[in-house]
Amino acid sequence: MAEKSQRMTSDEQRDLLEGRHLAVITTIGADGYPQSTPVWYMPDGDSVGIIADTDSVKVRNIRRNPRISITIASEGRPYRYVVFKGDAELHTSGLDDYPGRMAERYLGKEGGAAYIEDISPHPPFVVIKIQAARSINWIDRNPLTA
């Protein structure tokens, strides 16, 4: 019998990442326990980017220990997910349009503009990036559950 659950192709993974799903970023807290937070994300070439306030818990955790994971999963069938593991990179320059692009990705042009106006002035932020090269993924191909 053929395996019903398996790895996604690169096209299937790209399709999942292009969708508007919540991601879960997990960092290591000061107490040594995982700290997981649902966030918006943006695919960016070979990496995935997340916006965070400069003084947020996740950024403080990354400054102390850069090892993170980011999980992105579909909400409906066929169920699928991708997990990125690696060392986070914190980016602080050349990002002025990043919040607007992220808001537009999730809320559309008008909704994104209204959201940015509502939160302006935006507190200082960083973009957390992790390279997509280190990932695992899965898709449910079982016709009884897909």
N, C-alpha and C. Protein backbone atom coordinates (compact mmCIF):
# COMPACT_ATOMS: atom_id res chain seq x y z
N MET A 1 0.85 -1.18 0.00
CA MET A 1 0.00 0.00 0.00
C MET A 1 0.89 1.24 0.00
N ALA A 2 0.56 2.22 -0.81
CA ALA A 2 1.35 3.44 -0.92
C ALA A 2 1.22 4.28 0.34
N GLU A 3 2.29 4.98 0.66
CA GLU A 3 2.30 5.89 1.81
C GLU A 3 1.34 7.04 1.53
N LYS A 4 0.44 7.31 2.46
CA LYS A 4 -0.57 8.36 2.27
C LYS A 4 -0.12 9.71 2.81
N SER A 5 0.78 9.72 3.76
CA SER A 5 1.30 10.96 4.33
C SER A 5 2.78 11.02 3.99
N GLN A 6 3.22 12.14 3.46
CA GLN A 6 4.61 12.22 3.02
C GLN A 6 5.07 13.67 2.89
N ARG A 7 6.31 13.81 2.47
CA ARG A 7 6.89 15.14 2.28
C ARG A 7 6.22 15.84 1.10
N MET A 8 6.14 17.16 1.21
CA MET A 8 5.64 17.97 0.10
C MET A 8 6.73 18.15 -0.94
N THR A 9 6.32 18.39 -2.17
CA THR A 9 7.27 18.79 -3.19
C THR A 9 7.65 20.25 -2.93
N SER A 10 8.68 20.73 -3.60
CA SER A 10 9.07 22.14 -3.40
C SER A 10 7.94 23.08 -3.86
N ASP A 11 7.21 22.71 -4.92
CA ASP A 11 6.08 23.54 -5.35
C ASP A 11 4.97 23.55 -4.32
N GLU A 12 4.68 22.40 -3.70
CA GLU A 12 3.65 22.34 -2.66
C GLU A 12 4.05 23.16 -1.44
N GLN A 13 5.34 23.10 -1.08
CA GLN A 13 5.81 23.89 0.06
C GLN A 13 5.71 25.37 -0.26
N ARG A 14 6.11 25.78 -1.46
CA ARG A 14 6.02 27.18 -1.87
C ARG A 14 4.57 27.65 -1.83
N ASP A 15 3.65 26.80 -2.28
CA ASP A 15 2.22 27.12 -2.27
C ASP A 15 1.73 27.35 -0.83
N LEU A 16 2.15 26.48 0.09
CA LEU A 16 1.77 26.65 1.50
C LEU A 16 2.30 27.98 2.03
N LEU A 17 3.57 28.27 1.77
CA LEU A 17 4.19 29.50 2.29
C LEU A 17 3.56 30.76 1.71
N GLU A 18 3.11 30.70 0.47
CA GLU A 18 2.48 31.87 -0.15
C GLU A 18 1.10 32.14 0.43
N GLY A 19 0.49 31.15 1.08
CA GLY A 19 -0.81 31.35 1.70
C GLY A 19 -0.73 32.24 2.92
N ARG A 20 -1.87 32.70 3.39
CA ARG A 20 -1.93 33.58 4.56
C ARG A 20 -2.33 32.75 5.77
N HIS A 21 -1.36 32.12 6.37
CA HIS A 21 -1.57 31.31 7.56
C HIS A 21 -0.90 32.00 8.74
N LEU A 22 -1.30 31.65 9.93
CA LEU A 22 -0.51 32.05 11.10
C LEU A 22 0.68 31.12 11.20
N ALA A 23 1.78 31.66 11.63
CA ALA A 23 2.97 30.86 11.93
C ALA A 23 3.11 30.85 13.45
N VAL A 24 3.83 29.88 13.94
CA VAL A 24 4.17 29.84 15.36
C VAL A 24 5.69 29.87 15.46
N ILE A 25 6.21 30.93 16.10
CA ILE A 25 7.65 31.03 16.33
C ILE A 25 7.92 30.54 17.74
N THR A 26 8.92 29.70 17.88
CA THR A 26 9.30 29.19 19.19
C THR A 26 10.75 29.58 19.45
N THR A 27 10.95 30.26 20.57
CA THR A 27 12.28 30.64 21.04
C THR A 27 12.51 29.96 22.38
N ILE A 28 13.72 30.08 22.88
CA ILE A 28 14.05 29.51 24.19
C ILE A 28 14.04 30.64 25.21
N GLY A 29 13.16 30.52 26.20
CA GLY A 29 13.02 31.56 27.22
C GLY A 29 14.18 31.59 28.19
N ALA A 30 14.23 32.65 28.99
CA ALA A 30 15.29 32.81 29.99
C ALA A 30 15.27 31.66 30.99
N ASP A 31 14.09 31.06 31.21
CA ASP A 31 13.97 29.95 32.15
C ASP A 31 14.31 28.60 31.51
N GLY A 32 14.70 28.61 30.22
CA GLY A 32 15.06 27.38 29.52
C GLY A 32 13.90 26.66 28.86
N TYR A 33 12.68 27.14 29.07
CA TYR A 33 11.51 26.51 28.47
C TYR A 33 11.18 27.16 27.13
N PRO A 34 10.54 26.40 26.23
CA PRO A 34 10.13 26.98 24.94
C PRO A 34 9.10 28.09 25.15
N GLN A 35 9.20 29.14 24.35
CA GLN A 35 8.26 30.25 24.33
C GLN A 35 7.70 30.31 22.92
N SER A 36 6.42 29.97 22.74
CA SER A 36 5.79 29.93 21.42
C SER A 36 4.78 31.05 21.28
N THR A 37 4.79 31.69 20.09
CA THR A 37 3.91 32.82 19.84
C THR A 37 3.37 32.73 18.42
N PRO A 38 2.04 32.83 18.24
CA PRO A 38 1.49 32.89 16.88
C PRO A 38 1.76 34.27 16.28
N VAL A 39 2.17 34.29 15.01
CA VAL A 39 2.58 35.53 14.35
C VAL A 39 2.22 35.49 12.87
N TRP A 40 2.15 36.68 12.26
CA TRP A 40 2.13 36.77 10.80
C TRP A 40 3.54 36.53 10.30
N TYR A 41 3.67 36.07 9.08
CA TYR A 41 4.99 35.86 8.48
C TYR A 41 4.94 36.29 7.01
N MET A 42 6.11 36.45 6.43
CA MET A 42 6.20 36.77 5.02
C MET A 42 7.34 35.98 4.39
N PRO A 43 7.03 35.18 3.36
CA PRO A 43 8.12 34.52 2.64
C PRO A 43 8.97 35.59 1.98
N ASP A 44 10.26 35.42 2.01
CA ASP A 44 11.17 36.44 1.49
C ASP A 44 12.37 35.73 0.86
N GLY A 45 12.21 35.31 -0.40
CA GLY A 45 13.27 34.56 -1.05
C GLY A 45 13.47 33.22 -0.38
N ASP A 46 14.69 32.97 0.09
CA ASP A 46 15.00 31.71 0.76
C ASP A 46 14.82 31.79 2.27
N SER A 47 14.13 32.81 2.74
CA SER A 47 13.92 32.94 4.18
C SER A 47 12.46 33.26 4.46
N VAL A 48 12.11 33.23 5.74
CA VAL A 48 10.79 33.62 6.21
C VAL A 48 11.01 34.75 7.20
N GLY A 49 10.25 35.83 7.08
CA GLY A 49 10.41 36.99 7.95
C GLY A 49 9.21 37.21 8.85
N ILE A 50 9.49 37.68 10.05
CA ILE A 50 8.47 37.98 11.05
C ILE A 50 8.83 39.32 11.67
N ILE A 51 7.83 40.16 11.91
CA ILE A 51 8.05 41.46 12.56
C ILE A 51 7.85 41.30 14.06
N ALA A 52 8.72 41.93 14.84
CA ALA A 52 8.56 41.92 16.30
C ALA A 52 9.05 43.25 16.86
N ASP A 53 8.39 43.71 17.91
CA ASP A 53 8.87 44.90 18.60
C ASP A 53 10.27 44.62 19.15
N THR A 54 11.12 45.62 19.11
CA THR A 54 12.51 45.47 19.52
C THR A 54 12.65 44.93 20.94
N ASP A 55 11.74 45.31 21.84
CA ASP A 55 11.86 44.87 23.23
C ASP A 55 10.92 43.71 23.58
N SER A 56 10.42 42.99 22.56
CA SER A 56 9.52 41.86 22.82
C SER A 56 10.28 40.68 23.44
N VAL A 57 9.53 39.82 24.09
CA VAL A 57 10.12 38.65 24.73
C VAL A 57 10.86 37.80 23.70
N LYS A 58 10.25 37.59 22.53
CA LYS A 58 10.89 36.74 21.52
C LYS A 58 12.22 37.32 21.06
N VAL A 59 12.30 38.64 20.92
CA VAL A 59 13.57 39.25 20.50
C VAL A 59 14.61 39.16 21.62
N ARG A 60 14.19 39.39 22.85
CA ARG A 60 15.14 39.23 23.96
C ARG A 60 15.64 37.79 24.03
N ASN A 61 14.75 36.83 23.82
CA ASN A 61 15.17 35.42 23.81
C ASN A 61 16.18 35.14 22.70
N ILE A 62 15.93 35.69 21.51
CA ILE A 62 16.83 35.46 20.37
C ILE A 62 18.19 36.10 20.62
N ARG A 63 18.21 37.27 21.23
CA ARG A 63 19.51 37.91 21.53
C ARG A 63 20.34 37.03 22.48
N ARG A 64 19.65 36.33 23.36
CA ARG A 64 20.33 35.46 24.32
C ARG A 64 20.69 34.11 23.70
N ASN A 65 19.80 33.59 22.85
CA ASN A 65 20.00 32.28 22.23
C ASN A 65 19.28 32.31 20.87
N PRO A 66 20.01 32.35 19.76
CA PRO A 66 19.38 32.55 18.45
C PRO A 66 18.65 31.33 17.89
N ARG A 67 18.70 30.19 18.55
CA ARG A 67 18.03 29.00 18.02
C ARG A 67 16.51 29.13 18.12
N ILE A 68 15.84 28.98 16.97
CA ILE A 68 14.39 29.10 16.93
C ILE A 68 13.81 28.03 16.01
N SER A 69 12.51 27.90 16.07
CA SER A 69 11.78 27.17 15.04
C SER A 69 10.55 28.01 14.68
N ILE A 70 10.13 27.86 13.44
CA ILE A 70 8.92 28.49 12.95
C ILE A 70 8.10 27.40 12.27
N THR A 71 6.86 27.25 12.70
CA THR A 71 5.95 26.26 12.12
C THR A 71 4.82 26.98 11.41
N ILE A 72 4.56 26.57 10.18
CA ILE A 72 3.46 27.11 9.39
C ILE A 72 2.62 25.90 8.96
N ALA A 73 1.32 25.93 9.29
CA ALA A 73 0.43 24.81 8.99
C ALA A 73 -0.85 25.31 8.33
N SER A 74 -1.40 24.48 7.47
CA SER A 74 -2.69 24.81 6.86
C SER A 74 -3.80 24.56 7.87
N GLU A 75 -4.88 25.30 7.72
CA GLU A 75 -6.01 25.17 8.63
C GLU A 75 -7.02 24.15 8.13
N GLY A 76 -6.95 23.80 6.86
CA GLY A 76 -7.91 22.88 6.26
C GLY A 76 -7.23 21.78 5.48
N ARG A 77 -8.05 20.92 4.92
CA ARG A 77 -7.54 19.77 4.18
C ARG A 77 -7.15 20.17 2.78
N PRO A 78 -6.13 19.58 2.21
CA PRO A 78 -5.29 18.57 2.86
C PRO A 78 -4.38 19.21 3.90
N TYR A 79 -4.31 18.60 5.06
CA TYR A 79 -3.45 19.13 6.12
C TYR A 79 -2.00 19.04 5.69
N ARG A 80 -1.26 20.08 6.00
CA ARG A 80 0.16 20.13 5.64
C ARG A 80 0.85 21.13 6.54
N TYR A 81 2.15 20.96 6.70
CA TYR A 81 2.92 21.89 7.51
C TYR A 81 4.36 21.91 7.07
N VAL A 82 5.04 22.97 7.44
CA VAL A 82 6.48 23.08 7.26
C VAL A 82 7.06 23.65 8.55
N VAL A 83 8.20 23.12 8.97
CA VAL A 83 8.90 23.60 10.17
C VAL A 83 10.31 24.01 9.75
N PHE A 84 10.67 25.24 10.09
CA PHE A 84 12.02 25.73 9.87
C PHE A 84 12.73 25.74 11.22
N LYS A 85 13.94 25.23 11.26
CA LYS A 85 14.75 25.26 12.48
C LYS A 85 16.10 25.86 12.13
N GLY A 86 16.60 26.69 13.03
CA GLY A 86 17.91 27.27 12.79
C GLY A 86 18.16 28.47 13.67
N ASP A 87 19.19 29.20 13.32
CA ASP A 87 19.56 30.40 14.05
C ASP A 87 18.87 31.60 13.42
N ALA A 88 18.20 32.37 14.24
CA ALA A 88 17.51 33.57 13.77
C ALA A 88 18.51 34.65 13.44
N GLU A 89 18.13 35.48 12.48
CA GLU A 89 18.87 36.70 12.15
C GLU A 89 17.95 37.87 12.45
N LEU A 90 18.47 38.87 13.15
CA LEU A 90 17.69 40.08 13.46
C LEU A 90 18.11 41.18 12.51
N HIS A 91 17.16 41.73 11.76
CA HIS A 91 17.42 42.79 10.79
C HIS A 91 16.76 44.08 11.28
N THR A 92 17.51 45.18 11.20
CA THR A 92 17.00 46.45 11.71
C THR A 92 17.03 47.60 10.71
N SER A 93 17.67 47.43 9.57
CA SER A 93 17.77 48.56 8.64
C SER A 93 17.15 48.21 7.29
N GLY A 94 16.72 49.26 6.58
CA GLY A 94 16.13 49.10 5.27
C GLY A 94 14.78 48.41 5.30
N LEU A 95 14.04 48.58 6.38
CA LEU A 95 12.79 47.84 6.56
C LEU A 95 11.56 48.73 6.68
N ASP A 96 11.68 49.99 6.29
CA ASP A 96 10.58 50.93 6.51
C ASP A 96 9.25 50.47 5.94
N ASP A 97 9.26 49.79 4.79
CA ASP A 97 8.00 49.37 4.17
C ASP A 97 7.56 47.98 4.62
N TYR A 98 8.34 47.30 5.44
CA TYR A 98 8.03 45.92 5.83
C TYR A 98 6.70 45.80 6.58
N PRO A 99 6.40 46.64 7.58
CA PRO A 99 5.09 46.52 8.25
C PRO A 99 3.92 46.71 7.29
N GLY A 100 4.02 47.65 6.37
CA GLY A 100 2.95 47.88 5.41
C GLY A 100 2.75 46.71 4.48
N ARG A 101 3.84 46.15 3.99
CA ARG A 101 3.74 44.97 3.11
C ARG A 101 3.15 43.78 3.85
N MET A 102 3.55 43.60 5.12
CA MET A 102 3.03 42.49 5.92
C MET A 102 1.53 42.67 6.16
N ALA A 103 1.12 43.89 6.54
CA ALA A 103 -0.30 44.15 6.80
C ALA A 103 -1.13 43.97 5.52
N GLU A 104 -0.61 44.41 4.39
CA GLU A 104 -1.32 44.25 3.13
C GLU A 104 -1.44 42.78 2.75
N ARG A 105 -0.40 42.00 3.04
CA ARG A 105 -0.43 40.56 2.75
C ARG A 105 -1.60 39.89 3.48
N TYR A 106 -1.82 40.26 4.73
CA TYR A 106 -2.84 39.60 5.54
C TYR A 106 -4.21 40.27 5.47
N LEU A 107 -4.26 41.58 5.24
CA LEU A 107 -5.52 42.32 5.34
C LEU A 107 -5.98 42.94 4.03
N GLY A 108 -5.19 42.80 2.97
CA GLY A 108 -5.52 43.44 1.70
C GLY A 108 -5.04 44.88 1.68
N LYS A 109 -5.14 45.50 0.53
CA LYS A 109 -4.58 46.85 0.36
C LYS A 109 -5.23 47.86 1.31
N GLU A 110 -6.55 47.95 1.30
CA GLU A 110 -7.24 48.93 2.15
C GLU A 110 -7.12 48.57 3.63
N GLY A 111 -7.36 47.30 3.96
CA GLY A 111 -7.27 46.87 5.36
C GLY A 111 -5.88 47.03 5.91
N GLY A 112 -4.87 46.73 5.09
CA GLY A 112 -3.48 46.89 5.53
C GLY A 112 -3.14 48.34 5.80
N ALA A 113 -3.58 49.23 4.90
CA ALA A 113 -3.32 50.66 5.08
C ALA A 113 -4.00 51.18 6.34
N ALA A 114 -5.25 50.73 6.57
CA ALA A 114 -5.97 51.16 7.78
C ALA A 114 -5.28 50.64 9.04
N TYR A 115 -4.81 49.43 9.00
CA TYR A 115 -4.11 48.84 10.15
C TYR A 115 -2.84 49.62 10.46
N ILE A 116 -2.06 49.93 9.44
CA ILE A 116 -0.81 50.69 9.65
C ILE A 116 -1.11 52.07 10.20
N GLU A 117 -2.15 52.71 9.68
CA GLU A 117 -2.53 54.03 10.20
C GLU A 117 -2.94 53.93 11.67
N ASP A 118 -3.66 52.87 12.01
CA ASP A 118 -4.15 52.69 13.38
C ASP A 118 -3.01 52.48 14.38
N ILE A 119 -1.94 51.80 13.96
CA ILE A 119 -0.84 51.53 14.90
C ILE A 119 0.28 52.56 14.83
N SER A 120 0.12 53.58 13.96
CA SER A 120 1.18 54.58 13.82
C SER A 120 1.15 55.55 14.99
N PRO A 121 2.28 56.03 15.46
CA PRO A 121 3.60 55.59 15.00
C PRO A 121 3.92 54.21 15.55
N HIS A 122 4.49 53.38 14.70
CA HIS A 122 4.84 52.02 15.08
C HIS A 122 6.05 52.06 16.01
N PRO A 123 6.02 51.25 17.08
CA PRO A 123 7.19 51.21 17.96
C PRO A 123 8.39 50.63 17.20
N PRO A 124 9.60 50.84 17.70
CA PRO A 124 10.77 50.27 17.04
C PRO A 124 10.60 48.77 16.87
N PHE A 125 10.99 48.27 15.68
CA PHE A 125 10.81 46.85 15.42
C PHE A 125 12.04 46.27 14.73
N VAL A 126 12.09 44.96 14.73
CA VAL A 126 13.10 44.22 13.98
C VAL A 126 12.35 43.21 13.12
N VAL A 127 13.03 42.72 12.10
CA VAL A 127 12.52 41.60 11.33
C VAL A 127 13.37 40.39 11.68
N ILE A 128 12.69 39.37 12.15
CA ILE A 128 13.35 38.11 12.48
C ILE A 128 13.29 37.26 11.23
N LYS A 129 14.44 36.76 10.78
CA LYS A 129 14.47 35.90 9.60
C LYS A 129 15.13 34.58 9.93
N ILE A 130 14.63 33.56 9.30
CA ILE A 130 15.25 32.24 9.38
C ILE A 130 15.33 31.72 7.95
N GLN A 131 16.45 31.12 7.61
CA GLN A 131 16.65 30.59 6.27
C GLN A 131 15.78 29.36 6.05
N ALA A 132 15.12 29.31 4.89
CA ALA A 132 14.22 28.21 4.56
C ALA A 132 14.97 26.94 4.16
N ALA A 133 16.29 27.00 4.08
CA ALA A 133 17.05 25.84 3.64
C ALA A 133 16.97 24.67 4.62
N ARG A 134 16.79 24.95 5.91
CA ARG A 134 16.69 23.89 6.92
C ARG A 134 15.24 23.72 7.32
N SER A 135 14.55 22.81 6.64
CA SER A 135 13.13 22.64 6.92
C SER A 135 12.72 21.18 6.81
N ILE A 136 11.64 20.87 7.48
CA ILE A 136 10.96 19.60 7.28
C ILE A 136 9.52 19.93 6.95
N ASN A 137 8.88 19.06 6.18
CA ASN A 137 7.48 19.32 5.86
C ASN A 137 6.74 18.01 5.75
N TRP A 138 5.42 18.14 5.68
CA TRP A 138 4.54 16.97 5.63
C TRP A 138 3.23 17.36 4.99
N ILE A 139 2.63 16.43 4.26
CA ILE A 139 1.29 16.63 3.69
C ILE A 139 0.52 15.32 3.84
N ASP A 140 -0.75 15.44 4.14
CA ASP A 140 -1.62 14.28 4.28
C ASP A 140 -2.24 13.99 2.91
N ARG A 141 -1.83 12.91 2.30
CA ARG A 141 -2.36 12.52 1.00
C ARG A 141 -3.41 11.42 1.09
N ASN A 142 -3.84 11.09 2.29
CA ASN A 142 -4.82 10.04 2.50
C ASN A 142 -6.18 10.52 2.00
N PRO A 143 -6.77 9.84 1.01
CA PRO A 143 -8.06 10.30 0.48
C PRO A 143 -9.19 10.23 1.51
N LEU A 144 -9.01 9.49 2.57
CA LEU A 144 -10.05 9.41 3.60
C LEU A 144 -10.03 10.61 4.52
N THR A 145 -8.89 11.32 4.59
CA THR A 145 -8.79 12.49 5.47
C THR A 145 -8.53 13.77 4.69
N ALA A 146 -8.07 13.67 3.45
CA ALA A 146 -7.71 14.85 2.67
C ALA A 146 -8.89 15.53 2.04
